[in-house]
Protein backbone atom coordinates (compact mmCIF):
# COMPACT_ATOMS: atom_id res chain seq x y z
CA MET A 1 22.32 21.33 6.95
CA ILE A 2 21.00 21.31 3.38
CA ASP A 3 24.14 19.53 2.16
CA LYS A 4 23.63 16.89 4.86
CA LEU A 5 20.03 16.41 3.72
CA LYS A 6 21.16 15.99 0.12
CA LYS A 7 23.80 13.45 1.11
CA LYS A 8 21.28 11.60 3.27
CA PHE A 9 18.77 11.57 0.40
CA ILE A 10 21.39 10.19 -2.02
CA LEU A 11 22.54 7.59 0.53
CA ILE A 12 19.00 6.37 1.25
CA ASN A 13 18.19 6.29 -2.46
CA MET A 14 21.34 4.31 -3.27
CA ILE A 15 20.69 1.86 -0.42
CA LEU A 16 17.12 1.25 -1.60
CA VAL A 17 18.21 0.83 -5.23
CA SER A 18 21.02 -1.51 -4.14
CA ILE A 19 18.57 -3.63 -2.14
CA VAL A 20 16.20 -3.84 -5.12
CA LEU A 21 19.05 -4.80 -7.47
CA VAL A 22 20.42 -7.42 -5.07
CA ILE A 23 16.97 -8.97 -4.58
CA THR A 24 16.42 -8.95 -8.35
CA PHE A 25 19.79 -10.55 -9.10
CA ILE A 26 19.30 -13.17 -6.38
CA GLY A 27 15.90 -13.97 -7.87
CA VAL A 28 17.34 -14.27 -11.40
CA TYR A 29 20.23 -16.40 -10.11
CA ALA A 30 17.88 -18.68 -8.16
CA PHE A 31 15.57 -19.04 -11.16
CA THR A 32 18.48 -19.80 -13.51
CA TYR A 33 20.06 -22.25 -11.06
CA ASN A 34 16.74 -24.03 -10.60
CA LYS A 35 16.20 -24.21 -14.37
CA LEU A 36 19.69 -25.62 -14.96
CA SER A 37 19.22 -28.12 -12.15
CA ASN A 38 15.91 -29.31 -13.55
CA THR A 39 17.40 -29.62 -17.02
CA SER A 40 20.38 -31.61 -15.71
CA ASN A 41 18.09 -33.90 -13.67
CA TRP A 42 15.92 -34.44 -16.76
CA ILE A 43 19.01 -35.42 -18.73
CA LEU A 44 20.15 -37.78 -15.95
CA LYS A 45 16.73 -39.38 -15.90
CA LYS A 46 16.98 -39.96 -19.65
CA VAL A 47 20.46 -41.42 -19.26
CA ILE A 48 19.07 -43.97 -16.77
CA GLU A 49 16.02 -44.73 -18.88
CA GLU A 50 18.00 -45.17 -22.10
CA LYS A 51 21.04 -46.75 -20.47
CA GLY A 52 23.24 -44.07 -21.99
CA HIS A 53 21.88 -44.52 -25.52
CA ASP A 54 19.62 -42.24 -27.50
CA GLU A 55 16.39 -43.78 -28.76
CA ASN A 56 16.69 -42.16 -32.17
CA ARG A 57 14.34 -39.41 -31.11
CA LYS A 58 13.51 -37.34 -34.16
CA ARG A 59 11.42 -34.30 -34.92
CA LYS A 60 8.49 -35.45 -37.02
CA ILE A 61 6.89 -33.21 -39.62
CA GLY A 62 3.23 -34.08 -39.77
CA GLY A 63 1.53 -36.71 -37.67
CA GLU A 64 1.87 -36.73 -33.89
CA LYS A 65 3.87 -33.84 -32.54
CA ILE A 66 6.59 -34.84 -30.09
CA ARG A 67 8.36 -32.13 -28.12
CA VAL A 68 12.15 -32.46 -28.37
CA HIS A 69 13.97 -31.15 -25.30
CA SER A 70 16.36 -28.31 -26.04
CA GLN A 71 19.24 -30.20 -24.45
CA SER A 72 19.65 -33.87 -25.39
CA HIS A 73 21.84 -35.84 -23.00
CA LEU A 74 24.01 -36.88 -25.96
CA ASN A 75 25.18 -33.29 -26.22
CA ASN A 76 26.36 -33.32 -22.60
CA LEU A 77 29.16 -35.14 -20.81
CA THR A 78 27.26 -37.94 -19.08
CA PHE A 79 27.92 -41.49 -17.91
CA LEU A 80 26.03 -44.24 -16.12
CA VAL A 81 27.34 -46.54 -13.39
CA GLU A 82 25.48 -49.79 -12.64
CA LEU A 83 25.93 -51.48 -9.24
CA ASN A 84 24.77 -54.83 -7.91
CA ASN A 85 22.90 -55.36 -4.68
CA GLU A 86 26.23 -55.30 -2.79
CA ASN A 87 26.90 -51.83 -4.24
CA GLN A 88 29.78 -53.09 -6.35
CA ILE A 89 30.35 -51.57 -9.78
CA ILE A 90 29.37 -54.05 -12.47
CA ASN A 91 29.15 -51.82 -15.51
CA ILE A 92 30.11 -48.31 -16.65
CA ILE A 93 28.45 -46.79 -19.66
CA ASP A 94 30.81 -43.92 -20.37
CA LYS A 95 30.24 -42.94 -23.96
CA ASN A 96 31.02 -39.26 -23.28
CA ILE A 97 33.44 -39.63 -20.37
CA GLU A 98 37.00 -40.91 -20.17
CA ILE A 99 37.67 -42.68 -16.88
CA VAL A 100 41.30 -41.90 -16.05
CA ASP A 101 41.36 -42.91 -12.39
CA GLU A 102 39.03 -45.74 -11.33
CA GLU A 103 39.79 -45.14 -7.63
CA THR A 104 38.43 -41.62 -7.95
CA LEU A 105 35.34 -43.04 -9.64
CA LYS A 106 34.88 -45.59 -6.85
CA LYS A 107 35.12 -42.84 -4.22
CA ILE A 108 32.55 -40.72 -6.10
CA VAL A 109 30.20 -43.69 -6.40
CA LEU A 110 30.67 -44.53 -2.70
CA ASP A 111 29.81 -40.96 -1.73
CA CYS A 112 26.64 -41.19 -3.80
CA VAL A 113 25.68 -44.55 -2.29
CA GLU A 114 26.18 -43.28 1.25
CA SER A 115 24.18 -40.12 0.56
CA LYS A 116 20.60 -40.22 1.81
CA LYS A 117 19.44 -38.15 -1.16
CA ASP A 118 18.51 -39.64 -4.53
CA TYR A 119 20.12 -36.70 -6.33
CA GLY A 120 22.75 -34.12 -5.57
CA ILE A 121 26.15 -32.63 -6.43
CA ILE A 122 29.72 -33.87 -6.05
CA LEU A 123 31.35 -30.50 -5.51
CA ASN A 124 35.04 -31.44 -5.75
CA GLU A 125 34.45 -33.15 -9.13
CA ASP A 126 31.82 -30.73 -10.50
CA LEU A 127 29.37 -33.58 -11.10
CA ARG A 128 25.62 -33.86 -10.63
CA TYR A 129 24.16 -37.32 -9.94
CA LEU A 130 20.82 -39.11 -9.89
CA LYS A 131 20.23 -42.53 -8.26
CA HIS A 132 17.74 -45.13 -9.39
CA LYS A 133 17.04 -48.38 -7.51
CA ASN A 134 15.99 -51.45 -9.51
CA GLU A 135 15.67 -55.20 -8.87
CA ASN A 136 19.27 -55.87 -9.94
CA GLY A 137 20.85 -53.17 -7.82
CA LEU A 138 21.50 -49.45 -8.17
CA GLU A 139 22.01 -47.20 -11.16
CA ILE A 140 23.73 -43.85 -10.78
CA ALA A 141 23.77 -41.36 -13.66
CA PHE A 142 26.32 -38.53 -13.69
CA ILE A 143 26.54 -35.32 -15.69
CA ASP A 144 29.37 -32.81 -15.90
CA ARG A 145 28.43 -29.42 -14.44
CA SER A 146 30.98 -27.37 -16.41
CA ASP A 147 28.36 -25.76 -18.66
CA GLU A 148 26.08 -25.17 -15.69
CA ILE A 149 28.91 -23.54 -13.69
CA ASP A 150 30.01 -21.45 -16.67
CA THR A 151 26.44 -20.23 -17.18
CA LEU A 152 26.09 -19.29 -13.50
CA ASN A 153 29.51 -17.59 -13.44
CA SER A 154 28.61 -15.69 -16.59
CA LEU A 155 25.35 -14.64 -14.95
CA ILE A 156 27.20 -13.42 -11.84
CA THR A 157 29.68 -11.45 -13.96
CA THR A 158 26.86 -9.91 -15.99
CA SER A 159 24.91 -9.10 -12.82
CA ILE A 160 27.92 -7.39 -11.25
CA LEU A 161 28.54 -5.39 -14.42
CA VAL A 162 24.88 -4.42 -14.76
CA GLY A 163 24.74 -3.62 -11.03
CA VAL A 164 27.78 -1.32 -11.18
CA LEU A 165 26.48 0.47 -14.28
CA SER A 166 22.99 0.75 -12.81
CA LEU A 167 24.25 2.08 -9.48
CA SER A 168 26.45 4.59 -11.29
CA ALA A 169 23.48 5.76 -13.35
CA PHE A 170 21.23 5.90 -10.28
CA PHE A 171 23.92 7.82 -8.39
CA ILE A 172 24.02 10.51 -11.07
CA ILE A 173 20.20 10.59 -11.20
CA SER A 174 20.06 10.78 -7.38
CA ILE A 175 22.29 13.84 -7.38
CA PHE A 176 19.86 15.66 -9.68
CA LEU A 177 16.84 14.28 -7.80
CA SER A 178 18.28 15.39 -4.46
CA LYS A 179 18.51 18.98 -5.71
CA TRP A 180 14.89 18.81 -6.86
CA ALA A 181 13.60 17.00 -3.75
CA ILE A 182 15.48 19.15 -1.24
CA LYS A 183 14.60 22.42 -2.98
CA PRO A 184 11.37 22.98 -0.95
CA ALA A 185 13.26 22.22 2.27
CA GLU A 186 16.07 24.54 1.19
CA GLU A 187 13.59 27.32 0.45
CA ALA A 188 11.86 26.72 3.80
CA PHE A 189 15.23 26.78 5.58
CA ASP A 190 16.17 30.04 3.85
CA ARG A 191 12.79 31.54 4.80
CA GLU A 192 13.29 30.37 8.37
CA LYS A 193 16.71 32.01 8.53
CA GLN A 194 15.28 35.20 7.05
CA PHE A 195 12.37 34.99 9.49
CA ILE A 196 14.72 34.69 12.47
CA ALA A 197 16.86 37.54 11.17
CA ASP A 198 13.82 39.78 10.63
CA ALA A 199 12.28 38.85 14.00
CA SER A 200 15.59 39.58 15.73
CA HIS A 201 15.81 42.92 13.95
CA GLU A 202 12.25 43.86 14.89
CA LEU A 203 12.79 42.88 18.53
CA LYS A 204 16.12 44.68 18.63
CA THR A 205 14.61 48.09 17.86
CA PRO A 206 12.13 48.27 20.79
CA LEU A 207 14.62 46.59 23.11
CA THR A 208 17.22 49.23 22.26
CA THR A 209 14.69 51.99 22.94
CA ILE A 210 13.62 50.38 26.23
CA LEU A 211 17.23 50.01 27.39
CA ALA A 212 18.11 53.54 26.37
CA ASN A 213 15.14 55.04 28.23
CA SER A 214 15.87 52.83 31.23
CA GLU A 215 19.44 54.22 31.31
CA ILE A 216 18.03 57.75 31.28
CA LEU A 217 15.73 56.93 34.17
CA LEU A 218 18.58 55.35 36.12
CA SER A 219 20.72 58.44 35.59
CA HIS A 220 17.99 60.56 37.23
CA LYS A 221 17.33 58.48 40.33
CA ASN A 222 16.33 61.46 42.44
CA GLU A 223 13.76 62.78 39.96
CA THR A 224 10.05 62.26 40.43
CA ILE A 225 8.04 59.95 38.23
CA SER A 226 6.03 62.85 36.83
CA SER A 227 9.18 64.63 35.67
CA GLN A 228 10.36 61.48 33.87
CA ILE A 229 6.97 60.48 32.48
CA LYS A 230 8.13 60.93 28.88
CA TRP A 231 10.74 58.19 29.17
CA ILE A 232 8.30 55.90 30.96
CA GLU A 233 5.75 56.36 28.20
CA TYR A 234 8.40 55.50 25.61
CA ILE A 235 9.21 52.31 27.51
CA LYS A 236 5.50 51.45 27.74
CA LEU A 237 4.97 52.14 24.03
CA GLU A 238 7.89 49.97 22.93
CA SER A 239 6.90 47.22 25.37
CA GLU A 240 3.43 47.14 23.83
CA ARG A 241 5.00 46.96 20.37
CA MET A 242 7.12 44.02 21.52
CA ARG A 243 4.10 42.30 23.01
CA GLY A 244 2.22 42.74 19.75
CA LEU A 245 5.12 41.25 17.79
CA VAL A 246 5.50 38.30 20.17
CA ASN A 247 1.74 37.63 20.07
CA ASP A 248 1.78 37.66 16.28
CA LEU A 249 4.76 35.30 16.19
CA LEU A 250 3.07 32.93 18.63
CA PHE A 251 -0.13 33.03 16.61
CA LEU A 252 1.76 32.21 13.41
CA THR A 253 3.45 29.32 15.18
CA LYS A 254 0.09 28.07 16.41
CA LEU A 255 -1.34 28.29 12.89
CA GLY A 256 1.59 26.19 11.70
CA TYR A 257 0.17 23.29 13.74
CA LYS A 258 -3.19 23.25 11.96
CA GLU A 259 -4.21 19.95 13.51
CA ASN A 260 -4.41 21.65 16.92
CA ILE A 261 -7.08 24.10 15.75
CA ILE A 262 -10.36 22.22 15.64
CA SER A 263 -12.95 24.68 16.99
CA PHE A 264 -14.90 25.09 13.76
CA LYS A 265 -18.60 25.90 13.88
CA GLU A 266 -21.25 27.53 11.73
CA ILE A 267 -20.99 31.30 11.95
CA ASN A 268 -22.96 34.14 10.43
CA LEU A 269 -20.26 35.73 8.30
CA THR A 270 -22.46 38.74 7.55
CA ASP A 271 -22.88 39.64 11.23
CA LEU A 272 -19.22 38.96 11.91
CA VAL A 273 -18.01 41.34 9.16
CA TRP A 274 -20.37 44.07 10.34
CA SER A 275 -19.18 43.64 13.93
CA VAL A 276 -15.62 44.32 12.73
CA ILE A 277 -16.46 47.22 10.43
CA LEU A 278 -18.57 49.26 12.84
CA PRO A 279 -15.76 50.04 15.34
CA PHE A 280 -13.59 51.20 12.42
CA GLU A 281 -16.17 53.70 11.11
CA SER A 282 -15.19 56.48 13.50
CA LEU A 283 -11.49 55.95 12.73
CA ILE A 284 -12.19 56.10 9.00
CA PHE A 285 -14.21 59.28 9.45
CA GLU A 286 -11.51 60.92 11.62
CA ASN A 287 -8.92 60.16 8.92
CA ASN A 288 -11.11 62.00 6.39
CA LYS A 289 -11.77 58.82 4.42
CA LYS A 290 -14.95 57.22 3.15
CA LEU A 291 -16.34 53.73 3.70
CA GLU A 292 -18.50 51.87 1.19
CA SER A 293 -19.94 48.45 1.91
CA ASN A 294 -21.84 45.89 -0.11
CA ILE A 295 -22.55 42.98 2.23
CA ASP A 296 -25.21 40.37 1.52
CA SER A 297 -27.34 39.23 4.44
CA ASP A 298 -27.30 35.86 6.19
CA ILE A 299 -24.19 34.28 4.71
CA PHE A 300 -23.29 31.32 6.86
CA PHE A 301 -19.91 29.64 6.98
CA MET A 302 -18.16 26.82 8.84
CA GLY A 303 -15.04 28.22 10.48
CA ASN A 304 -13.27 29.51 13.55
CA GLU A 305 -15.00 32.72 14.62
CA ASN A 306 -12.03 34.35 16.34
CA GLN A 307 -9.69 33.70 13.44
CA ILE A 308 -12.15 34.95 10.79
CA LYS A 309 -12.68 38.07 12.89
CA GLN A 310 -8.92 38.61 13.10
CA LEU A 311 -8.69 38.10 9.32
CA VAL A 312 -11.25 40.86 8.65
CA VAL A 313 -9.57 43.16 11.20
CA ILE A 314 -6.19 42.70 9.47
CA LEU A 315 -7.59 43.48 6.02
CA VAL A 316 -9.67 46.48 7.11
CA ASP A 317 -6.85 47.90 9.25
CA ASN A 318 -4.43 47.43 6.34
CA ALA A 319 -6.87 49.21 3.96
CA ILE A 320 -7.21 52.17 6.34
CA LYS A 321 -3.44 52.52 6.77
CA TYR A 322 -2.68 52.57 3.06
CA CYS A 323 -5.76 54.35 1.76
CA SER A 324 -5.03 57.68 0.09
CA GLU A 325 -6.01 61.01 1.67
CA LYS A 326 -9.77 61.52 1.25
CA GLY A 327 -9.83 58.11 -0.39
CA THR A 328 -12.41 55.33 -0.26
CA ILE A 329 -12.40 51.95 1.43
CA LYS A 330 -14.76 49.38 -0.09
CA ILE A 331 -15.81 46.16 1.60
CA SER A 332 -17.96 43.55 -0.13
CA LEU A 333 -19.27 40.14 0.85
CA ASN A 334 -21.44 37.92 -1.34
CA LYS A 335 -22.22 34.30 -2.07
CA ASN A 336 -21.92 33.01 -5.62
CA GLN A 337 -23.21 29.45 -6.06
CA ASN A 338 -21.03 27.34 -3.74
CA LYS A 339 -18.40 29.99 -3.03
CA ILE A 340 -18.20 32.95 -0.66
CA ASN A 341 -16.35 36.02 -1.95
CA MET A 342 -15.04 38.78 0.28
CA CYS A 343 -13.13 41.80 -1.07
CA VAL A 344 -11.45 44.69 0.74
CA ASN A 345 -10.37 47.55 -1.51
CA ASN A 346 -8.64 50.85 -0.83
CA SER A 347 -7.69 53.67 -3.13
CA GLY A 348 -4.13 54.94 -3.09
CA ALA A 349 -0.66 54.18 -4.39
CA PRO A 350 -0.60 50.72 -5.96
CA ILE A 351 1.67 47.90 -4.88
CA PRO A 352 4.38 47.44 -7.55
CA LYS A 353 3.62 44.39 -9.68
CA GLU A 354 7.00 42.78 -9.01
CA GLU A 355 6.36 43.01 -5.25
CA GLN A 356 2.81 41.64 -5.19
CA LYS A 357 4.01 38.03 -5.10
CA TYR A 358 5.92 38.73 -1.87
CA ILE A 359 3.14 40.63 -0.11
CA PHE A 360 2.06 37.63 2.02
CA GLU A 361 5.58 36.77 3.21
CA ARG A 362 6.46 37.36 6.83
CA PHE A 363 8.03 40.74 7.64
CA TYR A 364 7.66 41.85 4.05
CA ARG A 365 6.68 45.49 3.62
CA VAL A 366 6.49 47.36 0.36
CA ASP A 367 7.38 50.77 1.81
CA LYS A 368 9.97 50.12 4.50
CA SER A 369 10.60 53.85 5.01
CA ARG A 370 7.06 54.27 6.34
CA VAL A 371 7.14 51.39 8.82
CA ARG A 372 7.20 53.57 11.89
CA GLU A 373 4.57 55.87 10.48
CA LYS A 374 2.17 53.04 9.59
CA GLY A 375 3.09 50.72 12.44
CA GLY A 376 3.11 46.93 12.30
CA TYR A 377 5.81 44.42 11.50
CA GLY A 378 4.75 42.96 8.17
CA LEU A 379 3.14 39.95 9.83
CA GLY A 380 -0.53 40.84 9.35
CA LEU A 381 -0.95 39.63 5.78
CA SER A 382 1.06 36.49 6.58
CA ILE A 383 -1.39 35.73 9.38
CA ALA A 384 -4.31 36.48 7.04
CA LYS A 385 -2.96 34.02 4.46
CA GLU A 386 -2.50 31.31 7.10
CA ILE A 387 -6.07 31.78 8.37
CA VAL A 388 -7.53 31.65 4.85
CA GLU A 389 -5.59 28.49 3.97
CA LEU A 390 -6.63 26.89 7.26
CA HIS A 391 -10.25 27.39 6.15
CA LYS A 392 -9.45 25.84 2.71
CA GLY A 393 -9.81 29.21 1.03
CA GLN A 394 -7.69 31.33 -1.30
CA ILE A 395 -6.44 34.89 -0.92
CA SER A 396 -5.08 37.09 -3.68
CA VAL A 397 -4.16 40.72 -4.32
CA THR A 398 -4.56 43.00 -7.32
CA SER A 399 -3.26 46.56 -7.41
CA ASP A 400 -3.11 49.30 -10.00
CA GLU A 401 -3.40 53.09 -10.33
CA LYS A 402 -7.01 53.06 -11.51
CA ASN A 403 -8.66 50.59 -9.10
CA GLY A 404 -6.34 50.81 -6.11
CA THR A 405 -5.47 47.71 -4.07
CA THR A 406 -7.93 44.85 -3.64
CA PHE A 407 -7.55 41.80 -1.41
CA LYS A 408 -9.93 39.06 -2.49
CA ILE A 409 -10.78 35.99 -0.44
CA VAL A 410 -12.71 32.99 -1.76
CA PHE A 411 -14.05 30.44 0.71
CA PRO A 412 -15.62 27.13 -0.36
């Protein structure tokens, strides 16, 4: 899939670059062609005006400045044909042209006379012409297009060469760019694969237990429910674990579509945090741990009440699980200028520094050997991070031997 994305990126990039180059070259060709045409027509006009002779135009130093055209008609292969009112050739001024076949000339002149345009091109003879009507008849000036054609052909050759070299360079650049551009998608794809693998593994364990206990029940069909209550309770316990996992996965999926979550309102964050802490007090006391709180009053915040409540539950529950025996759990909430700071700290074994950057990844758990003992699937902190980011906040973790583990949240 990733390779296909890279190839698609390179293909689209090359197509776009090719289109830009083609448009650019067409524009340059059209501009050059138009410039050459205008120059040739200017020369033809001078040929008619001067009857094929130069008027001794000179560059003057001092006095009136006269602009000398870069291409004098005397430097080009030109000739002038004069016709009477019956369109018969009466004079040919051919200083720069040798007339080898007069019949060919007559045919060229006839084509020009019959043309409705006053100027144009005789393709089969590579000539450009300009007609001028006067009282004595018609004058037709001709100029050889060899230089014009050579210039255009040279431009085409250069454009093709530049195009090939440019496309080759862009192709190499696109290969490197594709690796850089697709990297986030590749990382997301790898995380998705790991997520599916982890979710499948987590679902497999309770399903295996449920199936095993169901087999035991089926092998004792004649037993009473009370005699088999142990297996039923196992099935119920694992089913609840599965439901919790599925609910967490669905919630994470829902959070992924942030635009669907719009129920934000002003909430009293102080009251909300206290409403979460109070039910946990008895659990903390039963586990022989201590709770310390430093919560400022009347801190208001625009957010989703249910999600913020779930965020606090996740952090407090996590602190209780990993707090050391007879340890302390500290919860603080305060407002500093235009920011709201909330910290949840617990004493106990620190999270290794090299693992702290992974702590918010889905299914990631520092101590995998204690999963069953602590419960959970490694989704809680992932959900917490999603909720915080949804509320435009930031969440971070610090952990060491002296200060324990602290999760800090900053809301705007």
